[in-house]
Every structure is written in structure tokens, then in C-alpha cells.
Amino acid sequence: MEPVRDAIYHEQLARVARLKASATDDPFLAVRLREAAIRHERMARKLRRDSA
């Protein structure tokens, strides 16, 4: 895929992970989902930076 489309994909994954984290009652799962969201956001920023 193109770098911009990859970045959008990772941003969407981060958004879904944050939504699931806020919807769960398990605090440990919420932390893991937020950590995954952070990793996806970092990857999206990296892809946008590399494509510029």
C-alpha cells in the first residue's frame, strides 16, 4: 500500500483500540489496548514522515 494509506490504516487501528479500551471494564486490558494505540499512532507518524 501507499505510505499515506498505510498511515491512515494505522490511525484507524489506534482509534479502534482507544474505543475498545474505554469500553472495557478490565483495567489491565484497557492499558494494553492504549499501549497498542500508542504504537499504531507512532507508526502512522513514522509513515507520514517517511513519505514526505
Protein backbone atom coordinates (compact mmCIF):
# COMPACT_ATOMS: atom_id res chain seq x y z
CA MET A 1 0.00 0.00 0.00
CA GLU A 2 0.96 3.61 -0.31
CA PRO A 3 2.60 5.25 2.72
CA VAL A 4 -0.28 7.69 3.21
CA ARG A 5 -2.86 4.91 3.06
CA ASP A 6 -0.74 2.89 5.49
CA ALA A 7 -0.67 5.86 7.85
CA ILE A 8 -4.44 6.22 7.67
CA TYR A 9 -4.81 2.50 8.35
CA HIS A 10 -2.64 2.73 11.49
CA GLU A 11 -4.53 5.81 12.67
CA GLN A 12 -7.78 3.86 12.33
CA LEU A 13 -6.33 0.94 14.27
CA ALA A 14 -5.29 3.33 17.04
CA ARG A 15 -8.75 4.88 17.16
CA VAL A 16 -10.44 1.48 17.42
CA ALA A 17 -8.03 0.37 20.14
CA ARG A 18 -8.80 3.51 22.16
CA LEU A 19 -12.55 3.00 21.73
CA LYS A 20 -12.25 -0.60 22.91
CA ALA A 21 -10.08 0.49 25.84
CA SER A 22 -12.70 2.96 27.00
CA ALA A 23 -15.48 0.37 26.60
CA THR A 24 -13.88 -2.43 28.64
CA ASP A 25 -14.25 -2.99 32.38
CA ASP A 26 -10.92 -4.78 32.69
CA PRO A 27 -8.25 -2.21 33.68
CA PHE A 28 -5.36 -4.41 32.51
CA LEU A 29 -6.91 -4.92 29.10
CA ALA A 30 -7.55 -1.19 28.84
CA VAL A 31 -3.88 -0.46 29.49
CA ARG A 32 -2.78 -2.98 26.86
CA LEU A 33 -5.19 -1.52 24.30
CA ARG A 34 -3.95 2.01 25.00
CA GLU A 35 -0.36 0.83 24.58
CA ALA A 36 -1.30 -0.72 21.24
CA ALA A 37 -2.96 2.55 20.22
CA ILE A 38 0.24 4.44 21.03
CA ARG A 39 2.27 2.01 18.89
CA HIS A 40 -0.13 2.44 15.98
CA GLU A 41 -0.02 6.24 16.29
CA ARG A 42 3.78 6.19 16.30
CA MET A 43 3.83 4.01 13.21
CA ALA A 44 1.38 6.34 11.45
CA ARG A 45 3.56 9.36 12.26
CA LYS A 46 6.66 7.49 11.05
CA LEU A 47 4.98 6.55 7.77
CA ARG A 48 3.83 10.13 7.19
CA ARG A 49 7.32 11.42 7.98
CA ASP A 50 8.98 8.92 5.64
CA SER A 51 6.61 9.72 2.78
CA ALA A 52 7.29 13.46 2.96
